């Protein structure tokens, strides 16, 4: 299983730190992601999450979501576009 953590731009309203956690789980052949915001107390700061196995998110939707959040390395985006682990 790969798990990567990247910092995102601060929350534009509160200025709080935001983090993206994403990766690939080979046994499930599934991509996953979670967006965290330290300025939100609800759900321990979890803003949004998804995966390609249990939520039915397509690889193209996953690619667009991560690309839209920013700071994801290009080789990881290329692997997702080609449906490969990274």
PDB file of N, CA and C in Angstrom:
ATOM      1  N   UNK A   1       0.851  -1.175   0.000  1.00  0.00           N
ATOM      2  CA  UNK A   1       0.000   0.000   0.000  1.00  0.00           C
ATOM      3  C   UNK A   1       0.894   1.235   0.000  1.00  0.00           C
ATOM      4  N   UNK A   2       0.563   2.166  -0.858  1.00  0.00           N
ATOM      5  CA  UNK A   2       1.278   3.437  -0.843  1.00  0.00           C
ATOM      6  C   UNK A   2       0.399   4.476  -0.152  1.00  0.00           C
ATOM      7  N   UNK A   3       1.036   5.354   0.596  1.00  0.00           N
ATOM      8  CA  UNK A   3       0.321   6.430   1.281  1.00  0.00           C
ATOM      9  C   UNK A   3       1.215   7.657   1.235  1.00  0.00           C
ATOM     10  N   UNK A   4       0.693   8.716   0.671  1.00  0.00           N
ATOM     11  CA  UNK A   4       1.466   9.939   0.495  1.00  0.00           C
ATOM     12  C   UNK A   4       0.741  11.099   1.164  1.00  0.00           C
ATOM     13  N   UNK A   5       1.516  12.031   1.688  1.00  0.00           N
ATOM     14  CA  UNK A   5       0.961  13.203   2.363  1.00  0.00           C
ATOM     15  C   UNK A   5       1.584  14.448   1.739  1.00  0.00           C
ATOM     16  N   UNK A   6       0.736  15.383   1.303  1.00  0.00           N
ATOM     17  CA  UNK A   6       1.224  16.651   0.763  1.00  0.00           C
ATOM     18  C   UNK A   6       0.458  17.794   1.414  1.00  0.00           C
ATOM     19  N   UNK A   7       1.147  18.894   1.603  1.00  0.00           N
ATOM     20  CA  UNK A   7       0.500  20.094   2.113  1.00  0.00           C
ATOM     21  C   UNK A   7      -0.258  20.797   0.999  1.00  0.00           C
ATOM     22  N   UNK A   8      -1.387  21.361   1.354  1.00  0.00           N
ATOM     23  CA  UNK A   8      -2.193  22.120   0.399  1.00  0.00           C
ATOM     24  C   UNK A   8      -2.117  23.597   0.764  1.00  0.00           C
ATOM     25  N   UNK A   9      -2.641  24.437  -0.105  1.00  0.00           N
ATOM     26  CA  UNK A   9      -2.717  25.860   0.217  1.00  0.00           C
ATOM     27  C   UNK A   9      -3.575  26.035   1.461  1.00  0.00           C
ATOM     28  N   UNK A  10      -3.266  27.027   2.300  1.00  0.00           N
ATOM     29  CA  UNK A  10      -4.065  27.241   3.519  1.00  0.00           C
ATOM     30  C   UNK A  10      -5.529  27.509   3.190  1.00  0.00           C
ATOM     31  N   UNK A  11      -6.378  27.207   4.144  1.00  0.00           N
ATOM     32  CA  UNK A  11      -7.800  27.490   4.008  1.00  0.00           C
ATOM     33  C   UNK A  11      -7.955  28.991   3.762  1.00  0.00           C
ATOM     34  N   UNK A  12      -8.618  29.398   2.662  1.00  0.00           N
ATOM     35  CA  UNK A  12      -8.700  30.823   2.329  1.00  0.00           C
ATOM     36  C   UNK A  12      -9.514  31.640   3.338  1.00  0.00           C
ATOM     37  N   UNK A  13     -10.381  30.987   4.084  1.00  0.00           N
ATOM     38  CA  UNK A  13     -11.222  31.703   5.047  1.00  0.00           C
ATOM     39  C   UNK A  13     -10.532  31.820   6.401  1.00  0.00           C
ATOM     40  N   UNK A  14     -10.006  30.707   6.907  1.00  0.00           N
ATOM     41  CA  UNK A  14      -9.440  30.689   8.258  1.00  0.00           C
ATOM     42  C   UNK A  14      -7.922  30.779   8.284  1.00  0.00           C
ATOM     43  N   UNK A  15      -7.273  30.491   7.153  1.00  0.00           N
ATOM     44  CA  UNK A  15      -5.818  30.479   7.114  1.00  0.00           C
ATOM     45  C   UNK A  15      -5.208  29.227   7.724  1.00  0.00           C
ATOM     46  N   UNK A  16      -6.055  28.267   8.108  1.00  0.00           N
ATOM     47  CA  UNK A  16      -5.555  27.055   8.761  1.00  0.00           C
ATOM     48  C   UNK A  16      -4.880  26.122   7.755  1.00  0.00           C
ATOM     49  N   UNK A  17      -4.017  25.270   8.296  1.00  0.00           N
ATOM     50  CA  UNK A  17      -3.251  24.321   7.484  1.00  0.00           C
ATOM     51  C   UNK A  17      -4.162  23.230   6.928  1.00  0.00           C
ATOM     52  N   UNK A  18      -3.979  22.920   5.642  1.00  0.00           N
ATOM     53  CA  UNK A  18      -4.723  21.848   4.984  1.00  0.00           C
ATOM     54  C   UNK A  18      -3.739  20.805   4.480  1.00  0.00           C
ATOM     55  N   UNK A  19      -4.170  19.533   4.516  1.00  0.00           N
ATOM     56  CA  UNK A  19      -3.315  18.418   4.117  1.00  0.00           C
ATOM     57  C   UNK A  19      -4.104  17.445   3.250  1.00  0.00           C
ATOM     58  N   UNK A  20      -3.430  16.881   2.267  1.00  0.00           N
ATOM     59  CA  UNK A  20      -4.008  15.841   1.417  1.00  0.00           C
ATOM     60  C   UNK A  20      -3.258  14.547   1.680  1.00  0.00           C
ATOM     61  N   UNK A  21      -3.994  13.496   1.968  1.00  0.00           N
ATOM     62  CA  UNK A  21      -3.440  12.144   2.116  1.00  0.00           C
ATOM     63  C   UNK A  21      -4.048  11.316   0.984  1.00  0.00           C
ATOM     64  N   UNK A  22      -3.218  10.624   0.229  1.00  0.00           N
ATOM     65  CA  UNK A  22      -3.724   9.825  -0.892  1.00  0.00           C
ATOM     66  C   UNK A  22      -2.808   8.634  -1.119  1.00  0.00           C
ATOM     67  N   UNK A  23      -3.295   7.668  -1.889  1.00  0.00           N
ATOM     68  CA  UNK A  23      -2.462   6.515  -2.177  1.00  0.00           C
ATOM     69  C   UNK A  23      -3.177   5.458  -2.990  1.00  0.00           C
ATOM     70  N   UNK A  24      -2.546   4.285  -3.023  1.00  0.00           N
ATOM     71  CA  UNK A  24      -3.063   3.152  -3.782  1.00  0.00           C
ATOM     72  C   UNK A  24      -2.946   1.907  -2.911  1.00  0.00           C
ATOM     73  N   UNK A  25      -4.007   1.126  -2.865  1.00  0.00           N
ATOM     74  CA  UNK A  25      -4.042  -0.105  -2.082  1.00  0.00           C
ATOM     75  C   UNK A  25      -4.085  -1.295  -3.045  1.00  0.00           C
ATOM     76  N   UNK A  26      -2.938  -1.960  -3.301  1.00  0.00           N
ATOM     77  CA  UNK A  26      -2.888  -3.042  -4.293  1.00  0.00           C
ATOM     78  C   UNK A  26      -3.860  -4.200  -4.051  1.00  0.00           C
ATOM     79  N   UNK A  27      -4.011  -4.709  -2.806  1.00  0.00           N
ATOM     80  CA  UNK A  27      -4.931  -5.838  -2.651  1.00  0.00           C
ATOM     81  C   UNK A  27      -6.364  -5.510  -3.088  1.00  0.00           C
ATOM     82  N   UNK A  28      -6.755  -4.264  -2.923  1.00  0.00           N
ATOM     83  CA  UNK A  28      -8.103  -3.854  -3.328  1.00  0.00           C
ATOM     84  C   UNK A  28      -8.128  -3.220  -4.712  1.00  0.00           C
ATOM     85  N   UNK A  29      -6.954  -3.010  -5.308  1.00  0.00           N
ATOM     86  CA  UNK A  29      -6.831  -2.282  -6.580  1.00  0.00           C
ATOM     87  C   UNK A  29      -7.622  -0.979  -6.514  1.00  0.00           C
ATOM     88  N   UNK A  30      -7.365  -0.215  -5.474  1.00  0.00           N
ATOM     89  CA  UNK A  30      -8.166   0.965  -5.200  1.00  0.00           C
ATOM     90  C   UNK A  30      -7.286   2.167  -4.875  1.00  0.00           C
ATOM     91  N   UNK A  31      -7.644   3.322  -5.440  1.00  0.00           N
ATOM     92  CA  UNK A  31      -7.035   4.587  -5.070  1.00  0.00           C
ATOM     93  C   UNK A  31      -7.872   5.197  -3.950  1.00  0.00           C
ATOM     94  N   UNK A  32      -7.242   5.967  -3.066  1.00  0.00           N
ATOM     95  CA  UNK A  32      -7.993   6.628  -2.004  1.00  0.00           C
ATOM     96  C   UNK A  32      -7.410   8.015  -1.741  1.00  0.00           C
ATOM     97  N   UNK A  33      -8.195   8.884  -1.126  1.00  0.00           N
ATOM     98  CA  UNK A  33      -7.724  10.211  -0.751  1.00  0.00           C
ATOM     99  C   UNK A  33      -8.541  10.732   0.425  1.00  0.00           C
ATOM    100  N   UNK A  34      -7.919  11.610   1.210  1.00  0.00           N
ATOM    101  CA  UNK A  34      -8.570  12.306   2.316  1.00  0.00           C
ATOM    102  C   UNK A  34      -8.031  13.732   2.350  1.00  0.00           C
ATOM    103  N   UNK A  35      -8.930  14.669   2.560  1.00  0.00           N
ATOM    104  CA  UNK A  35      -8.544  16.070   2.706  1.00  0.00           C
ATOM    105  C   UNK A  35      -8.783  16.485   4.153  1.00  0.00           C
ATOM    106  N   UNK A  36      -7.745  17.030   4.798  1.00  0.00           N
ATOM    107  CA  UNK A  36      -7.804  17.417   6.206  1.00  0.00           C
ATOM    108  C   UNK A  36      -7.592  18.917   6.345  1.00  0.00           C
ATOM    109  N   UNK A  37      -8.246  19.507   7.360  1.00  0.00           N
ATOM    110  CA  UNK A  37      -8.085  20.931   7.672  1.00  0.00           C
ATOM    111  C   UNK A  37      -7.973  21.074   9.182  1.00  0.00           C
ATOM    112  N   UNK A  38      -6.819  21.553   9.654  1.00  0.00           N
ATOM    113  CA  UNK A  38      -6.587  21.674  11.095  1.00  0.00           C
ATOM    114  C   UNK A  38      -7.526  22.672  11.768  1.00  0.00           C
ATOM    115  N   UNK A  39      -8.124  23.558  10.989  1.00  0.00           N
ATOM    116  CA  UNK A  39      -9.008  24.573  11.551  1.00  0.00           C
ATOM    117  C   UNK A  39     -10.432  24.103  11.784  1.00  0.00           C
ATOM    118  N   UNK A  40     -10.739  22.864  11.417  1.00  0.00           N
ATOM    119  CA  UNK A  40     -12.088  22.326  11.582  1.00  0.00           C
ATOM    120  C   UNK A  40     -12.064  21.280  12.686  1.00  0.00           C
ATOM    121  N   UNK A  41     -12.882  21.477  13.687  1.00  0.00           N
ATOM    122  CA  UNK A  41     -12.903  20.541  14.819  1.00  0.00           C
ATOM    123  C   UNK A  41     -13.783  19.321  14.536  1.00  0.00           C
ATOM    124  N   UNK A  42     -14.797  19.498  13.741  1.00  0.00           N
ATOM    125  CA  UNK A  42     -15.719  18.403  13.420  1.00  0.00           C
ATOM    126  C   UNK A  42     -14.980  17.300  12.680  1.00  0.00           C
ATOM    127  N   UNK A  43     -15.246  16.049  13.027  1.00  0.00           N
ATOM    128  CA  UNK A  43     -14.619  14.873  12.397  1.00  0.00           C
ATOM    129  C   UNK A  43     -13.098  14.914  12.472  1.00  0.00           C
ATOM    130  N   UNK A  44     -12.558  15.498  13.520  1.00  0.00           N
ATOM    131  CA  UNK A  44     -11.096  15.628  13.700  1.00  0.00           C
ATOM    132  C   UNK A  44     -10.425  16.347  12.540  1.00  0.00           C
ATOM    133  N   UNK A  45     -11.159  17.171  11.824  1.00  0.00           N
ATOM    134  CA  UNK A  45     -10.591  17.943  10.722  1.00  0.00           C
ATOM    135  C   UNK A  45     -10.744  17.309   9.360  1.00  0.00           C
ATOM    136  N   UNK A  46     -11.373  16.128   9.274  1.00  0.00           N
ATOM    137  CA  UNK A  46     -11.571  15.485   7.969  1.00  0.00           C
ATOM    138  C   UNK A  46     -12.629  16.261   7.190  1.00  0.00           C
ATOM    139  N   UNK A  47     -12.232  16.803   6.047  1.00  0.00           N
ATOM    140  CA  UNK A  47     -13.125  17.617   5.235  1.00  0.00           C
ATOM    141  C   UNK A  47     -13.863  16.762   4.216  1.00  0.00           C
ATOM    142  N   UNK A  48     -13.113  15.899   3.541  1.00  0.00           N
ATOM    143  CA  UNK A  48     -13.693  15.091   2.475  1.00  0.00           C
ATOM    144  C   UNK A  48     -12.806  13.875   2.252  1.00  0.00           C
ATOM    145  N   UNK A  49     -13.382  12.792   1.737  1.00  0.00           N
ATOM    146  CA  UNK A  49     -12.613  11.593   1.430  1.00  0.00           C
ATOM    147  C   UNK A  49     -13.309  10.802   0.345  1.00  0.00           C
ATOM    148  N   UNK A  50     -12.567   9.919  -0.286  1.00  0.00           N
ATOM    149  CA  UNK A  50     -13.138   9.082  -1.312  1.00  0.00           C
ATOM    150  C   UNK A  50     -12.181   7.978  -1.707  1.00  0.00           C
ATOM    151  N   UNK A  51     -12.702   7.025  -2.441  1.00  0.00           N
ATOM    152  CA  UNK A  51     -11.871   5.947  -2.973  1.00  0.00           C
ATOM    153  C   UNK A  51     -12.517   5.401  -4.230  1.00  0.00           C
ATOM    154  N   UNK A  52     -11.745   4.654  -4.975  1.00  0.00           N
ATOM    155  CA  UNK A  52     -12.246   4.149  -6.256  1.00  0.00           C
ATOM    156  C   UNK A  52     -12.932   2.801  -6.139  1.00  0.00           C
ATOM    157  N   UNK A  53     -12.890   2.177  -4.989  1.00  0.00           N
ATOM    158  CA  UNK A  53     -13.508   0.851  -4.848  1.00  0.00           C
ATOM    159  C   UNK A  53     -14.888   0.928  -4.213  1.00  0.00           C
ATOM    160  N   UNK A  54     -14.981   1.566  -3.058  1.00  0.00           N
ATOM    161  CA  UNK A  54     -16.228   1.528  -2.304  1.00  0.00           C
ATOM    162  C   UNK A  54     -17.185   2.666  -2.632  1.00  0.00           C
ATOM    163  N   UNK A  55     -16.668   3.781  -3.137  1.00  0.00           N
ATOM    164  CA  UNK A  55     -17.560   4.890  -3.489  1.00  0.00           C
ATOM    165  C   UNK A  55     -17.856   4.933  -4.980  1.00  0.00           C
ATOM    166  N   UNK A  56     -17.166   4.100  -5.749  1.00  0.00           N
ATOM    167  CA  UNK A  56     -17.413   4.060  -7.188  1.00  0.00           C
ATOM    168  C   UNK A  56     -16.770   5.210  -7.948  1.00  0.00           C
ATOM    169  N   UNK A  57     -15.856   5.944  -7.309  1.00  0.00           N
ATOM    170  CA  UNK A  57     -15.184   7.049  -7.986  1.00  0.00           C
ATOM    171  C   UNK A  57     -14.310   6.480  -9.099  1.00  0.00           C
ATOM    172  N   UNK A  58     -14.469   6.995 -10.301  1.00  0.00           N
ATOM    173  CA  UNK A  58     -13.660   6.523 -11.424  1.00  0.00           C
ATOM    174  C   UNK A  58     -12.242   7.081 -11.312  1.00  0.00           C
ATOM    175  N   UNK A  59     -11.317   6.460 -12.025  1.00  0.00           N
ATOM    176  CA  UNK A  59      -9.936   6.949 -12.011  1.00  0.00           C
ATOM    177  C   UNK A  59      -9.854   8.364 -12.557  1.00  0.00           C
ATOM    178  N   UNK A  60     -10.658   8.671 -13.578  1.00  0.00           N
ATOM    179  CA  UNK A  60     -10.622  10.029 -14.125  1.00  0.00           C
ATOM    180  C   UNK A  60     -11.152  11.037 -13.103  1.00  0.00           C
ATOM    181  N   UNK A  61     -12.189  10.662 -12.336  1.00  0.00           N
ATOM    182  CA  UNK A  61     -12.684  11.549 -11.276  1.00  0.00           C
ATOM    183  C   UNK A  61     -11.627  11.726 -10.192  1.00  0.00           C
ATOM    184  N   UNK A  62     -10.953  10.631  -9.836  1.00  0.00           N
ATOM    185  CA  UNK A  62      -9.889  10.676  -8.834  1.00  0.00           C
ATOM    186  C   UNK A  62      -8.748  11.581  -9.311  1.00  0.00           C
ATOM    187  N   UNK A  63      -8.358  11.414 -10.560  1.00  0.00           N
ATOM    188  CA  UNK A  63      -7.308  12.233 -11.171  1.00  0.00           C
ATOM    189  C   UNK A  63      -7.681  13.711 -11.096  1.00  0.00           C
ATOM    190  N   UNK A  64      -8.886  14.041 -11.524  1.00  0.00           N
ATOM    191  CA  UNK A  64      -9.334  15.439 -11.526  1.00  0.00           C
ATOM    192  C   UNK A  64      -9.407  16.011 -10.117  1.00  0.00           C
ATOM    193  N   UNK A  65      -9.850  15.217  -9.155  1.00  0.00           N
ATOM    194  CA  UNK A  65      -9.930  15.674  -7.764  1.00  0.00           C
ATOM    195  C   UNK A  65      -8.540  16.011  -7.235  1.00  0.00           C
ATOM    196  N   UNK A  66      -7.582  15.099  -7.408  1.00  0.00           N
ATOM    197  CA  UNK A  66      -6.233  15.338  -6.913  1.00  0.00           C
ATOM    198  C   UNK A  66      -5.555  16.486  -7.653  1.00  0.00           C
ATOM    199  N   UNK A  67      -5.736  16.545  -8.950  1.00  0.00           N
ATOM    200  CA  UNK A  67      -5.135  17.632  -9.728  1.00  0.00           C
ATOM    201  C   UNK A  67      -5.719  18.974  -9.292  1.00  0.00           C
ATOM    202  N   UNK A  68      -7.008  18.997  -9.010  1.00  0.00           N
ATOM    203  CA  UNK A  68      -7.660  20.229  -8.574  1.00  0.00           C
ATOM    204  C   UNK A  68      -7.203  20.698  -7.202  1.00  0.00           C
ATOM    205  N   UNK A  69      -6.875  19.756  -6.315  1.00  0.00           N
ATOM    206  CA  UNK A  69      -6.394  20.124  -4.985  1.00  0.00           C
ATOM    207  C   UNK A  69      -4.966  20.640  -5.030  1.00  0.00           C
ATOM    208  N   UNK A  70      -4.182  20.173  -5.984  1.00  0.00           N
ATOM    209  CA  UNK A  70      -2.824  20.660  -6.188  1.00  0.00           C
ATOM    210  C   UNK A  70      -1.772  19.940  -5.359  1.00  0.00           C
ATOM    211  N   UNK A  71      -0.518  20.228  -5.699  1.00  0.00           N
ATOM    212  CA  UNK A  71       0.666  19.727  -5.001  1.00  0.00           C
ATOM    213  C   UNK A  71       0.894  18.221  -5.110  1.00  0.00           C
ATOM    214  N   UNK A  72       0.170  17.514  -5.961  1.00  0.00           N
ATOM    215  CA  UNK A  72       0.407  16.080  -6.173  1.00  0.00           C
ATOM    216  C   UNK A  72       1.475  15.951  -7.258  1.00  0.00           C
ATOM    217  N   UNK A  73       2.536  15.178  -7.008  1.00  0.00           N
ATOM    218  CA  UNK A  73       3.604  15.047  -8.003  1.00  0.00           C
ATOM    219  C   UNK A  73       3.083  14.505  -9.343  1.00  0.00           C
ATOM    220  N   UNK A  74       3.632  15.062 -10.416  1.00  0.00           N
ATOM    221  CA  UNK A  74       3.214  14.665 -11.768  1.00  0.00           C
ATOM    222  C   UNK A  74       3.335  13.153 -12.016  1.00  0.00           C
ATOM    223  N   UNK A  75       4.406  12.474 -11.562  1.00  0.00           N
ATOM    224  CA  UNK A  75       4.477  11.023 -11.801  1.00  0.00           C
ATOM    225  C   UNK A  75       3.301  10.256 -11.181  1.00  0.00           C
ATOM    226  N   UNK A  76       2.792  10.737 -10.051  1.00  0.00           N
ATOM    227  CA  UNK A  76       1.634  10.082  -9.440  1.00  0.00           C
ATOM    228  C   UNK A  76       0.386  10.313 -10.286  1.00  0.00           C
ATOM    229  N   UNK A  77       0.216  11.532 -10.788  1.00  0.00           N
ATOM    230  CA  UNK A  77      -0.940  11.816 -11.645  1.00  0.00           C
ATOM    231  C   UNK A  77      -0.864  10.999 -12.932  1.00  0.00           C
ATOM    232  N   UNK A  78       0.330  10.842 -13.491  1.00  0.00           N
ATOM    233  CA  UNK A  78       0.491  10.030 -14.717  1.00  0.00           C
ATOM    234  C   UNK A  78       0.135   8.567 -14.435  1.00  0.00           C
ATOM    235  N   UNK A  79       0.553   8.044 -13.291  1.00  0.00           N
ATOM    236  CA  UNK A  79       0.227   6.657 -12.945  1.00  0.00           C
ATOM    237  C   UNK A  79      -1.279   6.474 -12.811  1.00  0.00           C
ATOM    238  N   UNK A  80      -1.950   7.434 -12.170  1.00  0.00           N
ATOM    239  CA  UNK A  80      -3.395   7.352 -12.013  1.00  0.00           C
ATOM    240  C   UNK A  80      -4.072   7.394 -13.373  1.00  0.00           C
ATOM    241  N   UNK A  81      -3.605   8.266 -14.252  1.00  0.00           N
ATOM    242  CA  UNK A  81      -4.191   8.382 -15.588  1.00  0.00           C
ATOM    243  C   UNK A  81      -4.065   7.074 -16.373  1.00  0.00           C
ATOM    244  N   UNK A  82      -3.004   6.313 -16.101  1.00  0.00           N
ATOM    245  CA  UNK A  82      -2.786   5.047 -16.795  1.00  0.00           C
ATOM    246  C   UNK A  82      -3.253   3.852 -15.981  1.00  0.00           C
ATOM    247  N   UNK A  83      -3.956   4.110 -14.859  1.00  0.00           N
ATOM    248  CA  UNK A  83      -4.496   3.057 -13.994  1.00  0.00           C
ATOM    249  C   UNK A  83      -3.390   2.152 -13.472  1.00  0.00           C
ATOM    250  N   UNK A  84      -2.302   2.763 -13.016  1.00  0.00           N
ATOM    251  CA  UNK A  84      -1.168   2.024 -12.482  1.00  0.00           C
ATOM    252  C   UNK A  84      -0.956   2.376 -11.008  1.00  0.00           C
ATOM    253  N   UNK A  85      -0.380   1.470 -10.232  1.00  0.00           N
ATOM    254  CA  UNK A  85      -0.027   1.831  -8.853  1.00  0.00           C
ATOM    255  C   UNK A  85       1.139   2.821  -8.844  1.00  0.00           C
ATOM    256  N   UNK A  86       1.290   3.514  -7.759  1.00  0.00           N
ATOM    257  CA  UNK A  86       2.422   4.444  -7.621  1.00  0.00           C
ATOM    258  C   UNK A  86       2.997   4.331  -6.220  1.00  0.00           C
TER     259      UNK A  86
END
